[in-house]
């Protein structure tokens, strides 16, 4: 399995876990479930980007 497929599979598992938590707390199939999952995914993307930026910055010596 290449890296892209691995990341995709991990993302799908993460979303499924978040949906499960939302369903357990009564937010399943609700607009708030969408907001929670979207916010969490956006935070993960931003954190990954910031970490990658720091690595590039350190590599370039900036």
C-alpha atoms as a PDB file:
ATOM      1  CA  UNK A   1       0.000   0.000   0.000  1.00  0.00           C
ATOM      2  CA  UNK A   2       1.529   3.292  -0.984  1.00  0.00           C
ATOM      3  CA  UNK A   3       1.621   6.363   1.220  1.00  0.00           C
ATOM      4  CA  UNK A   4      -1.366   8.085  -0.403  1.00  0.00           C
ATOM      5  CA  UNK A   5      -3.609   5.060   0.091  1.00  0.00           C
ATOM      6  CA  UNK A   6      -2.423   4.758   3.685  1.00  0.00           C
ATOM      7  CA  UNK A   7      -3.258   8.399   4.406  1.00  0.00           C
ATOM      8  CA  UNK A   8      -6.643   7.989   2.731  1.00  0.00           C
ATOM      9  CA  UNK A   9      -7.420   4.881   4.800  1.00  0.00           C
ATOM     10  CA  UNK A  10      -6.367   6.631   8.036  1.00  0.00           C
ATOM     11  CA  UNK A  11      -8.548   9.621   7.182  1.00  0.00           C
ATOM     12  CA  UNK A  12     -11.562   7.413   6.504  1.00  0.00           C
ATOM     13  CA  UNK A  13     -11.015   5.599   9.823  1.00  0.00           C
ATOM     14  CA  UNK A  14     -10.697   8.923  11.638  1.00  0.00           C
ATOM     15  CA  UNK A  15     -13.958  10.213  10.153  1.00  0.00           C
ATOM     16  CA  UNK A  16     -15.716   6.943  11.002  1.00  0.00           C
ATOM     17  CA  UNK A  17     -14.483   7.198  14.595  1.00  0.00           C
ATOM     18  CA  UNK A  18     -15.650  10.806  14.839  1.00  0.00           C
ATOM     19  CA  UNK A  19     -19.066   9.818  13.449  1.00  0.00           C
ATOM     20  CA  UNK A  20     -19.270   7.065  16.036  1.00  0.00           C
ATOM     21  CA  UNK A  21     -18.488   9.478  18.868  1.00  0.00           C
ATOM     22  CA  UNK A  22     -21.083  11.933  17.546  1.00  0.00           C
ATOM     23  CA  UNK A  23     -23.694   9.166  17.333  1.00  0.00           C
ATOM     24  CA  UNK A  24     -22.911   8.032  20.898  1.00  0.00           C
ATOM     25  CA  UNK A  25     -23.570  11.551  22.177  1.00  0.00           C
ATOM     26  CA  UNK A  26     -26.777  12.078  20.203  1.00  0.00           C
ATOM     27  CA  UNK A  27     -25.358  14.164  17.374  1.00  0.00           C
ATOM     28  CA  UNK A  28     -25.571  11.519  14.648  1.00  0.00           C
ATOM     29  CA  UNK A  29     -27.076  12.606  11.316  1.00  0.00           C
ATOM     30  CA  UNK A  30     -27.267  16.169  12.567  1.00  0.00           C
ATOM     31  CA  UNK A  31     -25.851  19.396  11.175  1.00  0.00           C
ATOM     32  CA  UNK A  32     -23.623  19.664  14.207  1.00  0.00           C
ATOM     33  CA  UNK A  33     -21.998  16.330  13.343  1.00  0.00           C
ATOM     34  CA  UNK A  34     -20.926  17.821  10.008  1.00  0.00           C
ATOM     35  CA  UNK A  35     -19.542  20.909  11.767  1.00  0.00           C
ATOM     36  CA  UNK A  36     -17.555  18.818  14.252  1.00  0.00           C
ATOM     37  CA  UNK A  37     -16.013  16.575  11.602  1.00  0.00           C
ATOM     38  CA  UNK A  38     -15.251  19.463   9.242  1.00  0.00           C
ATOM     39  CA  UNK A  39     -13.666  21.544  12.008  1.00  0.00           C
ATOM     40  CA  UNK A  40     -11.549  18.645  13.192  1.00  0.00           C
ATOM     41  CA  UNK A  41     -10.385  17.786   9.658  1.00  0.00           C
ATOM     42  CA  UNK A  42      -9.535  21.422   8.925  1.00  0.00           C
ATOM     43  CA  UNK A  43      -7.529  21.625  12.144  1.00  0.00           C
ATOM     44  CA  UNK A  44      -5.620  18.462  11.194  1.00  0.00           C
ATOM     45  CA  UNK A  45      -4.845  19.848   7.719  1.00  0.00           C
ATOM     46  CA  UNK A  46      -3.631  23.151   9.148  1.00  0.00           C
ATOM     47  CA  UNK A  47      -1.486  21.411  11.789  1.00  0.00           C
ATOM     48  CA  UNK A  48       0.072  19.147   9.140  1.00  0.00           C
ATOM     49  CA  UNK A  49       0.794  22.136   6.917  1.00  0.00           C
ATOM     50  CA  UNK A  50       2.414  24.064   9.755  1.00  0.00           C
ATOM     51  CA  UNK A  51       4.570  21.080  10.704  1.00  0.00           C
ATOM     52  CA  UNK A  52       5.646  20.585   7.075  1.00  0.00           C
ATOM     53  CA  UNK A  53       6.434  24.287   6.811  1.00  0.00           C
ATOM     54  CA  UNK A  54       8.650  24.096   9.885  1.00  0.00           C
ATOM     55  CA  UNK A  55      10.510  21.114   8.439  1.00  0.00           C
ATOM     56  CA  UNK A  56      11.076  22.946   5.147  1.00  0.00           C
ATOM     57  CA  UNK A  57      12.168  26.065   7.001  1.00  0.00           C
ATOM     58  CA  UNK A  58      14.668  24.108   9.065  1.00  0.00           C
ATOM     59  CA  UNK A  59      15.915  22.267   5.984  1.00  0.00           C
ATOM     60  CA  UNK A  60      16.438  25.527   4.114  1.00  0.00           C
ATOM     61  CA  UNK A  61      18.026  27.198   7.129  1.00  0.00           C
ATOM     62  CA  UNK A  62      15.586  30.097   7.247  1.00  0.00           C
END
